[in-house]
Amino acid sequence: MKKLIAPVVFVSALALTGCGASSSSAENTTPSPAAATETKTPAETPKVTDLTGSWKQSNPNSEKSYQQATITADAITVNWVTDGGNTTSTYWVGTYKAPAGSNGSYSWTSQRDVEATKSALLASSDATKEFTYDGDVISYKVSAMGTTTTVKLKKQ
C-alpha cells in the first residue's frame, strides 16, 4: 500500500504544479477577474438634459429679424430681435422647469410673468405657453397680427 501511495502523491503534486505553472496561450490571453473589472467602463449615469443658456431662432424669415431666448435655472425669456440685433423687444418671460431625465424630448408649460410683460407692447398676453424640446431644438407657437407660426430655437 505504501508503494501505491507514493506514486499517487507524486502524480498529484505534479498535476497541481503543472496547473499552477501552465503557460498555455489561452491562459495568457484570458484576463483575470480583477483585470476584467478594470477594463470595463462603468455604467454611466444618464445625463440630465441641460437647456440653460442662449438660444437663437433657426427658422427666421429674415437674417435681421428673429427671436432669441435665454433659459436660466427657473425662467425663460424670449425677445424679438430686429435691426440685425440692434433692437430687442420682450415677447415672453415665464417659468421654466428643467427636465428630470435625458430621453432627448421634453415639454413644459411656462407660466407668464405678468409684471415683466405687462408694459411690453410686443409681448404675448397668453397666461401660459407650451415649449417643446426635441432633437436639440426648442419649438413653440407665436401669434402676432392674426398669424401663427412655429418658432424653432437652436442653442448658441
N, C-alpha and C. Protein backbone atom coordinates (compact mmCIF):
# COMPACT_ATOMS: atom_id res chain seq x y z
N MET A 1 0.82 -1.18 0.00
CA MET A 1 0.00 0.00 0.00
C MET A 1 0.87 1.24 0.00
N LYS A 2 2.02 1.24 0.74
CA LYS A 2 2.92 2.39 0.75
C LYS A 2 3.47 2.64 -0.63
N LYS A 3 3.71 1.56 -1.39
CA LYS A 3 4.23 1.72 -2.74
C LYS A 3 3.19 2.38 -3.64
N LEU A 4 1.93 2.18 -3.40
CA LEU A 4 0.87 2.76 -4.22
C LEU A 4 0.62 4.22 -3.85
N ILE A 5 0.76 4.59 -2.60
CA ILE A 5 0.50 5.96 -2.15
C ILE A 5 1.57 6.91 -2.69
N ALA A 6 2.82 6.52 -2.69
CA ALA A 6 3.90 7.39 -3.15
C ALA A 6 3.70 7.84 -4.59
N PRO A 7 3.41 6.94 -5.57
CA PRO A 7 3.19 7.42 -6.93
C PRO A 7 1.95 8.32 -7.05
N VAL A 8 0.90 8.04 -6.29
CA VAL A 8 -0.31 8.86 -6.36
C VAL A 8 0.00 10.26 -5.84
N VAL A 9 0.75 10.37 -4.74
CA VAL A 9 1.13 11.68 -4.19
C VAL A 9 2.00 12.41 -5.19
N PHE A 10 2.97 11.71 -5.83
CA PHE A 10 3.86 12.32 -6.81
C PHE A 10 3.07 12.84 -8.01
N VAL A 11 2.15 12.03 -8.53
CA VAL A 11 1.35 12.43 -9.69
C VAL A 11 0.44 13.60 -9.31
N SER A 12 -0.13 13.55 -8.12
CA SER A 12 -0.99 14.66 -7.66
C SER A 12 -0.19 15.94 -7.53
N ALA A 13 1.00 15.86 -6.94
CA ALA A 13 1.85 17.03 -6.80
C ALA A 13 2.26 17.56 -8.16
N LEU A 14 2.60 16.69 -9.09
CA LEU A 14 2.98 17.08 -10.44
C LEU A 14 1.81 17.76 -11.15
N ALA A 15 0.63 17.20 -10.99
CA ALA A 15 -0.54 17.77 -11.63
C ALA A 15 -0.85 19.15 -11.07
N LEU A 16 -0.76 19.31 -9.77
CA LEU A 16 -1.03 20.61 -9.17
C LEU A 16 0.03 21.63 -9.57
N THR A 17 1.29 21.23 -9.60
CA THR A 17 2.35 22.13 -10.02
C THR A 17 2.17 22.49 -11.48
N GLY A 18 1.81 21.53 -12.30
CA GLY A 18 1.61 21.77 -13.73
C GLY A 18 0.48 22.75 -13.97
N CYS A 19 -0.60 22.65 -13.22
CA CYS A 19 -1.73 23.56 -13.39
C CYS A 19 -1.36 24.97 -12.99
N GLY A 20 -0.59 25.11 -11.94
CA GLY A 20 -0.22 26.44 -11.48
C GLY A 20 0.80 27.10 -12.37
N ALA A 21 1.63 26.35 -13.05
CA ALA A 21 2.71 26.94 -13.84
C ALA A 21 2.45 26.87 -15.32
N SER A 22 1.27 26.50 -15.69
CA SER A 22 0.96 26.36 -17.11
C SER A 22 1.07 27.71 -17.81
N SER A 23 1.56 27.69 -19.02
CA SER A 23 1.68 28.93 -19.78
C SER A 23 1.04 28.77 -21.15
N SER A 24 -0.12 28.12 -21.17
CA SER A 24 -0.79 27.95 -22.45
C SER A 24 -1.28 29.31 -22.94
N SER A 25 -1.44 29.44 -24.24
CA SER A 25 -1.82 30.73 -24.81
C SER A 25 -3.21 31.13 -24.38
N ALA A 26 -4.10 30.18 -24.11
CA ALA A 26 -5.44 30.53 -23.67
C ALA A 26 -5.40 31.22 -22.31
N GLU A 27 -4.55 30.76 -21.42
CA GLU A 27 -4.46 31.38 -20.11
C GLU A 27 -3.79 32.75 -20.20
N ASN A 28 -2.88 32.94 -21.10
CA ASN A 28 -2.20 34.23 -21.22
C ASN A 28 -3.09 35.30 -21.81
N THR A 29 -4.09 34.93 -22.61
CA THR A 29 -4.94 35.93 -23.23
C THR A 29 -6.22 36.17 -22.45
N THR A 30 -6.55 35.30 -21.51
CA THR A 30 -7.75 35.50 -20.71
C THR A 30 -7.41 36.35 -19.50
N PRO A 31 -8.03 37.50 -19.38
CA PRO A 31 -7.70 38.37 -18.25
C PRO A 31 -8.25 37.79 -16.95
N SER A 32 -7.59 38.13 -15.88
CA SER A 32 -8.04 37.70 -14.57
C SER A 32 -9.33 38.45 -14.25
N PRO A 33 -10.12 37.93 -13.30
CA PRO A 33 -11.33 38.66 -12.95
C PRO A 33 -11.05 40.10 -12.52
N ALA A 34 -9.95 40.34 -11.85
CA ALA A 34 -9.61 41.71 -11.44
C ALA A 34 -9.31 42.57 -12.66
N ALA A 35 -8.59 42.02 -13.63
CA ALA A 35 -8.28 42.79 -14.84
C ALA A 35 -9.54 43.07 -15.64
N ALA A 36 -10.46 42.12 -15.64
CA ALA A 36 -11.70 42.31 -16.39
C ALA A 36 -12.50 43.47 -15.81
N THR A 37 -12.54 43.60 -14.51
CA THR A 37 -13.29 44.70 -13.93
C THR A 37 -12.58 46.03 -14.14
N GLU A 38 -11.27 46.02 -14.27
CA GLU A 38 -10.55 47.26 -14.51
C GLU A 38 -10.77 47.78 -15.93
N THR A 39 -10.94 46.89 -16.92
CA THR A 39 -11.08 47.32 -18.29
C THR A 39 -12.52 47.66 -18.66
N LYS A 40 -13.48 47.23 -17.89
CA LYS A 40 -14.86 47.56 -18.18
C LYS A 40 -15.10 49.03 -17.85
N THR A 41 -15.86 49.70 -18.70
CA THR A 41 -16.23 51.07 -18.39
C THR A 41 -17.43 51.03 -17.47
N PRO A 42 -17.41 51.82 -16.43
CA PRO A 42 -18.54 51.80 -15.51
C PRO A 42 -19.79 52.30 -16.20
N ALA A 43 -20.91 51.78 -15.79
CA ALA A 43 -22.17 52.23 -16.37
C ALA A 43 -22.34 53.71 -16.08
N GLU A 44 -22.49 54.49 -17.14
CA GLU A 44 -22.62 55.93 -16.97
C GLU A 44 -24.04 56.25 -16.54
N THR A 45 -24.14 57.15 -15.59
CA THR A 45 -25.47 57.60 -15.20
C THR A 45 -25.96 58.54 -16.30
N PRO A 46 -27.21 58.42 -16.66
CA PRO A 46 -27.73 59.25 -17.74
C PRO A 46 -27.58 60.74 -17.40
N LYS A 47 -27.14 61.50 -18.39
CA LYS A 47 -27.01 62.94 -18.20
C LYS A 47 -28.39 63.58 -18.27
N VAL A 48 -28.60 64.54 -17.41
CA VAL A 48 -29.84 65.30 -17.46
C VAL A 48 -29.72 66.32 -18.59
N THR A 49 -30.75 66.44 -19.38
CA THR A 49 -30.75 67.40 -20.48
C THR A 49 -30.67 68.81 -19.91
N ASP A 50 -29.66 69.57 -20.34
CA ASP A 50 -29.45 70.94 -19.84
C ASP A 50 -29.85 71.93 -20.92
N LEU A 51 -30.93 72.64 -20.69
CA LEU A 51 -31.41 73.62 -21.66
C LEU A 51 -31.02 75.05 -21.30
N THR A 52 -30.34 75.24 -20.19
CA THR A 52 -29.96 76.61 -19.80
C THR A 52 -28.97 77.18 -20.80
N GLY A 53 -29.07 78.49 -21.01
CA GLY A 53 -28.17 79.16 -21.93
C GLY A 53 -28.91 80.01 -22.94
N SER A 54 -28.20 80.39 -24.00
CA SER A 54 -28.77 81.25 -25.05
C SER A 54 -29.21 80.42 -26.24
N TRP A 55 -30.35 80.79 -26.80
CA TRP A 55 -30.94 80.10 -27.93
C TRP A 55 -31.31 81.14 -29.00
N LYS A 56 -31.18 80.76 -30.26
CA LYS A 56 -31.50 81.68 -31.36
C LYS A 56 -32.40 80.97 -32.36
N GLN A 57 -33.31 81.73 -32.93
CA GLN A 57 -34.25 81.17 -33.90
C GLN A 57 -33.49 80.61 -35.11
N SER A 58 -33.79 79.37 -35.46
CA SER A 58 -33.13 78.73 -36.60
C SER A 58 -33.97 78.79 -37.87
N ASN A 59 -35.21 79.27 -37.77
CA ASN A 59 -36.08 79.35 -38.94
C ASN A 59 -36.67 80.76 -39.12
N PRO A 60 -35.84 81.80 -39.07
CA PRO A 60 -36.41 83.16 -39.21
C PRO A 60 -36.77 83.46 -40.67
N ASN A 61 -37.65 84.43 -40.83
CA ASN A 61 -38.00 84.89 -42.19
C ASN A 61 -36.95 85.86 -42.71
N SER A 62 -36.12 86.39 -41.81
CA SER A 62 -35.12 87.37 -42.19
C SER A 62 -33.89 87.20 -41.30
N GLU A 63 -32.73 87.47 -41.86
CA GLU A 63 -31.48 87.41 -41.08
C GLU A 63 -31.42 88.53 -40.03
N LYS A 64 -32.18 89.61 -40.29
CA LYS A 64 -32.13 90.78 -39.41
C LYS A 64 -33.26 90.82 -38.39
N SER A 65 -34.18 89.87 -38.44
CA SER A 65 -35.31 89.85 -37.53
C SER A 65 -35.59 88.41 -37.12
N TYR A 66 -35.50 88.15 -35.82
CA TYR A 66 -35.65 86.78 -35.33
C TYR A 66 -35.98 86.81 -33.84
N GLN A 67 -36.20 85.64 -33.26
CA GLN A 67 -36.39 85.55 -31.82
C GLN A 67 -35.17 84.91 -31.19
N GLN A 68 -34.94 85.32 -29.96
CA GLN A 68 -33.78 84.82 -29.21
C GLN A 68 -34.26 84.57 -27.78
N ALA A 69 -33.77 83.51 -27.16
CA ALA A 69 -34.22 83.18 -25.81
C ALA A 69 -33.03 82.94 -24.89
N THR A 70 -33.28 83.17 -23.62
CA THR A 70 -32.32 82.85 -22.58
C THR A 70 -33.06 82.02 -21.54
N ILE A 71 -32.48 80.87 -21.21
CA ILE A 71 -33.07 80.00 -20.20
C ILE A 71 -32.11 79.95 -19.01
N THR A 72 -32.67 80.21 -17.83
CA THR A 72 -31.91 80.09 -16.58
C THR A 72 -32.48 78.89 -15.82
N ALA A 73 -32.06 78.71 -14.59
CA ALA A 73 -32.50 77.56 -13.81
C ALA A 73 -34.01 77.50 -13.62
N ASP A 74 -34.68 78.66 -13.62
CA ASP A 74 -36.12 78.64 -13.36
C ASP A 74 -36.94 79.60 -14.23
N ALA A 75 -36.33 80.20 -15.25
CA ALA A 75 -37.06 81.15 -16.09
C ALA A 75 -36.62 81.06 -17.55
N ILE A 76 -37.56 81.43 -18.43
CA ILE A 76 -37.25 81.56 -19.86
C ILE A 76 -37.70 82.96 -20.28
N THR A 77 -36.80 83.64 -20.99
CA THR A 77 -37.09 84.96 -21.55
C THR A 77 -36.89 84.88 -23.05
N VAL A 78 -37.91 85.30 -23.80
CA VAL A 78 -37.84 85.30 -25.27
C VAL A 78 -38.01 86.74 -25.74
N ASN A 79 -37.11 87.16 -26.62
CA ASN A 79 -37.15 88.52 -27.17
C ASN A 79 -37.28 88.48 -28.68
N TRP A 80 -37.96 89.50 -29.21
CA TRP A 80 -37.91 89.78 -30.63
C TRP A 80 -36.61 90.54 -30.86
N VAL A 81 -35.85 90.19 -31.86
CA VAL A 81 -34.62 90.90 -32.20
C VAL A 81 -34.78 91.44 -33.61
N THR A 82 -34.55 92.76 -33.77
CA THR A 82 -34.67 93.40 -35.09
C THR A 82 -33.46 94.28 -35.33
N ASP A 83 -33.42 94.89 -36.49
CA ASP A 83 -32.31 95.76 -36.88
C ASP A 83 -30.98 95.02 -36.80
N GLY A 84 -30.98 93.76 -37.13
CA GLY A 84 -29.73 92.99 -37.11
C GLY A 84 -29.15 92.83 -35.72
N GLY A 85 -29.98 92.94 -34.69
CA GLY A 85 -29.52 92.76 -33.32
C GLY A 85 -29.45 94.05 -32.54
N ASN A 86 -29.72 95.19 -33.19
CA ASN A 86 -29.64 96.48 -32.51
C ASN A 86 -30.86 96.78 -31.64
N THR A 87 -31.99 96.12 -31.90
CA THR A 87 -33.21 96.38 -31.15
C THR A 87 -33.77 95.06 -30.63
N THR A 88 -34.13 95.04 -29.35
CA THR A 88 -34.78 93.87 -28.77
C THR A 88 -36.06 94.30 -28.07
N SER A 89 -37.06 93.45 -28.17
CA SER A 89 -38.35 93.71 -27.53
C SER A 89 -38.80 92.43 -26.84
N THR A 90 -39.33 92.56 -25.65
CA THR A 90 -39.77 91.39 -24.88
C THR A 90 -40.97 90.74 -25.54
N TYR A 91 -40.88 89.42 -25.70
CA TYR A 91 -42.02 88.64 -26.19
C TYR A 91 -42.58 87.75 -25.08
N TRP A 92 -41.72 87.11 -24.31
CA TRP A 92 -42.18 86.20 -23.27
C TRP A 92 -41.20 86.18 -22.11
N VAL A 93 -41.72 86.25 -20.91
CA VAL A 93 -40.95 86.00 -19.69
C VAL A 93 -41.83 85.06 -18.87
N GLY A 94 -41.29 83.90 -18.55
CA GLY A 94 -42.11 82.94 -17.83
C GLY A 94 -41.28 81.90 -17.10
N THR A 95 -41.97 80.98 -16.48
CA THR A 95 -41.33 79.93 -15.69
C THR A 95 -40.69 78.88 -16.59
N TYR A 96 -39.69 78.25 -16.04
CA TYR A 96 -39.03 77.12 -16.70
C TYR A 96 -38.75 76.08 -15.64
N LYS A 97 -39.10 74.84 -15.93
CA LYS A 97 -38.79 73.71 -15.05
C LYS A 97 -37.93 72.75 -15.85
N ALA A 98 -36.71 72.53 -15.36
CA ALA A 98 -35.75 71.68 -16.07
C ALA A 98 -36.22 70.23 -16.12
N PRO A 99 -35.88 69.53 -17.20
CA PRO A 99 -36.25 68.11 -17.28
C PRO A 99 -35.51 67.29 -16.24
N ALA A 100 -36.15 66.23 -15.78
CA ALA A 100 -35.54 65.37 -14.76
C ALA A 100 -34.73 64.26 -15.40
N GLY A 101 -34.96 63.95 -16.65
CA GLY A 101 -34.26 62.85 -17.31
C GLY A 101 -33.54 63.28 -18.56
N SER A 102 -33.17 62.32 -19.35
CA SER A 102 -32.40 62.63 -20.56
C SER A 102 -32.89 61.84 -21.76
N ASN A 103 -34.18 61.75 -21.91
CA ASN A 103 -34.69 60.95 -23.02
C ASN A 103 -34.64 61.68 -24.36
N GLY A 104 -34.13 62.92 -24.39
CA GLY A 104 -33.97 63.65 -25.64
C GLY A 104 -35.18 64.44 -26.07
N SER A 105 -36.29 64.28 -25.39
CA SER A 105 -37.50 65.01 -25.72
C SER A 105 -38.13 65.50 -24.41
N TYR A 106 -38.62 66.73 -24.42
CA TYR A 106 -39.15 67.30 -23.19
C TYR A 106 -40.11 68.43 -23.53
N SER A 107 -41.20 68.53 -22.78
CA SER A 107 -42.16 69.63 -22.95
C SER A 107 -42.46 70.23 -21.59
N TRP A 108 -42.72 71.51 -21.57
CA TRP A 108 -43.13 72.15 -20.32
C TRP A 108 -44.08 73.29 -20.64
N THR A 109 -44.94 73.58 -19.67
CA THR A 109 -45.86 74.70 -19.76
C THR A 109 -45.30 75.83 -18.92
N SER A 110 -45.00 76.94 -19.57
CA SER A 110 -44.44 78.10 -18.90
C SER A 110 -45.57 79.03 -18.48
N GLN A 111 -45.51 79.49 -17.24
CA GLN A 111 -46.48 80.46 -16.72
C GLN A 111 -45.90 81.86 -16.95
N ARG A 112 -46.67 82.72 -17.60
CA ARG A 112 -46.18 84.07 -17.91
C ARG A 112 -45.97 84.89 -16.65
N ASP A 113 -44.87 85.65 -16.63
CA ASP A 113 -44.59 86.61 -15.57
C ASP A 113 -45.29 87.91 -15.99
N VAL A 114 -46.46 88.16 -15.43
CA VAL A 114 -47.28 89.31 -15.82
C VAL A 114 -46.57 90.62 -15.56
N GLU A 115 -45.92 90.75 -14.42
CA GLU A 115 -45.21 92.00 -14.09
C GLU A 115 -44.14 92.33 -15.12
N ALA A 116 -43.41 91.31 -15.57
CA ALA A 116 -42.31 91.54 -16.52
C ALA A 116 -42.79 91.82 -17.93
N THR A 117 -44.03 91.47 -18.24
CA THR A 117 -44.51 91.60 -19.62
C THR A 117 -45.67 92.59 -19.79
N LYS A 118 -46.23 93.10 -18.71
CA LYS A 118 -47.46 93.89 -18.85
C LYS A 118 -47.27 95.19 -19.63
N SER A 119 -46.09 95.78 -19.62
CA SER A 119 -45.89 97.03 -20.37
C SER A 119 -45.15 96.82 -21.69
N ALA A 120 -44.86 95.57 -22.04
CA ALA A 120 -44.16 95.28 -23.31
C ALA A 120 -45.18 95.15 -24.43
N LEU A 121 -45.12 96.05 -25.41
CA LEU A 121 -46.11 96.09 -26.48
C LEU A 121 -46.10 94.83 -27.36
N LEU A 122 -44.95 94.21 -27.53
CA LEU A 122 -44.86 93.03 -28.40
C LEU A 122 -44.88 91.71 -27.63
N ALA A 123 -45.19 91.79 -26.34
CA ALA A 123 -45.23 90.58 -25.51
C ALA A 123 -46.52 89.81 -25.72
N SER A 124 -46.42 88.52 -25.59
CA SER A 124 -47.61 87.67 -25.63
C SER A 124 -48.46 87.94 -24.40
N SER A 125 -49.77 87.93 -24.58
CA SER A 125 -50.67 88.11 -23.45
C SER A 125 -51.23 86.78 -22.94
N ASP A 126 -50.75 85.69 -23.51
CA ASP A 126 -51.19 84.36 -23.07
C ASP A 126 -50.76 84.12 -21.63
N ALA A 127 -51.60 83.45 -20.86
CA ALA A 127 -51.27 83.13 -19.47
C ALA A 127 -50.19 82.05 -19.41
N THR A 128 -50.22 81.13 -20.37
CA THR A 128 -49.24 80.04 -20.43
C THR A 128 -48.77 79.85 -21.87
N LYS A 129 -47.64 79.21 -22.00
CA LYS A 129 -47.10 78.89 -23.33
C LYS A 129 -46.45 77.52 -23.24
N GLU A 130 -46.74 76.68 -24.24
CA GLU A 130 -46.16 75.33 -24.34
C GLU A 130 -44.84 75.39 -25.11
N PHE A 131 -43.79 74.88 -24.51
CA PHE A 131 -42.49 74.76 -25.15
C PHE A 131 -42.15 73.28 -25.27
N THR A 132 -41.55 72.91 -26.39
CA THR A 132 -41.15 71.52 -26.61
C THR A 132 -39.70 71.48 -27.03
N TYR A 133 -38.94 70.58 -26.41
CA TYR A 133 -37.54 70.35 -26.77
C TYR A 133 -37.46 68.97 -27.41
N ASP A 134 -36.94 68.89 -28.63
CA ASP A 134 -36.80 67.62 -29.31
C ASP A 134 -35.71 67.75 -30.38
N GLY A 135 -34.74 66.84 -30.36
CA GLY A 135 -33.69 66.85 -31.36
C GLY A 135 -32.84 68.10 -31.33
N ASP A 136 -32.51 68.60 -30.16
CA ASP A 136 -31.69 69.81 -29.97
C ASP A 136 -32.39 71.09 -30.41
N VAL A 137 -33.71 71.07 -30.54
CA VAL A 137 -34.48 72.24 -30.96
C VAL A 137 -35.61 72.48 -29.96
N ILE A 138 -35.76 73.74 -29.56
CA ILE A 138 -36.92 74.14 -28.77
C ILE A 138 -37.90 74.79 -29.73
N SER A 139 -39.16 74.38 -29.65
CA SER A 139 -40.17 74.98 -30.52
C SER A 139 -41.38 75.42 -29.71
N TYR A 140 -42.08 76.41 -30.24
CA TYR A 140 -43.28 76.94 -29.62
C TYR A 140 -44.01 77.76 -30.66
N LYS A 141 -45.29 78.01 -30.43
CA LYS A 141 -46.12 78.77 -31.36
C LYS A 141 -46.12 80.25 -30.98
N VAL A 142 -46.04 81.09 -32.00
CA VAL A 142 -46.09 82.54 -31.83
C VAL A 142 -47.22 83.07 -32.70
N SER A 143 -48.08 83.87 -32.09
CA SER A 143 -49.16 84.51 -32.84
C SER A 143 -48.99 86.01 -32.76
N ALA A 144 -49.05 86.65 -33.91
CA ALA A 144 -48.97 88.11 -33.98
C ALA A 144 -49.78 88.58 -35.17
N MET A 145 -50.61 89.58 -34.96
CA MET A 145 -51.43 90.18 -36.01
C MET A 145 -52.22 89.13 -36.80
N GLY A 146 -52.79 88.15 -36.08
CA GLY A 146 -53.65 87.15 -36.72
C GLY A 146 -52.91 86.01 -37.40
N THR A 147 -51.59 85.99 -37.33
CA THR A 147 -50.80 84.93 -37.96
C THR A 147 -50.09 84.12 -36.88
N THR A 148 -50.16 82.80 -37.01
CA THR A 148 -49.47 81.92 -36.06
C THR A 148 -48.38 81.15 -36.80
N THR A 149 -47.22 81.11 -36.19
CA THR A 149 -46.10 80.37 -36.77
C THR A 149 -45.40 79.59 -35.64
N THR A 150 -44.66 78.58 -36.03
CA THR A 150 -43.87 77.83 -35.05
C THR A 150 -42.44 78.31 -35.12
N VAL A 151 -41.94 78.79 -34.00
CA VAL A 151 -40.56 79.24 -33.91
C VAL A 151 -39.72 78.05 -33.45
N LYS A 152 -38.56 77.90 -34.07
CA LYS A 152 -37.61 76.85 -33.67
C LYS A 152 -36.31 77.50 -33.25
N LEU A 153 -35.86 77.16 -32.04
CA LEU A 153 -34.64 77.73 -31.49
C LEU A 153 -33.55 76.68 -31.40
N LYS A 154 -32.32 77.09 -31.71
CA LYS A 154 -31.15 76.23 -31.54
C LYS A 154 -30.24 76.88 -30.52
N LYS A 155 -29.58 76.03 -29.71
CA LYS A 155 -28.70 76.54 -28.67
C LYS A 155 -27.46 77.18 -29.29
N GLN A 156 -27.05 78.30 -28.73
CA GLN A 156 -25.89 79.02 -29.22
C GLN A 156 -24.65 78.65 -28.44
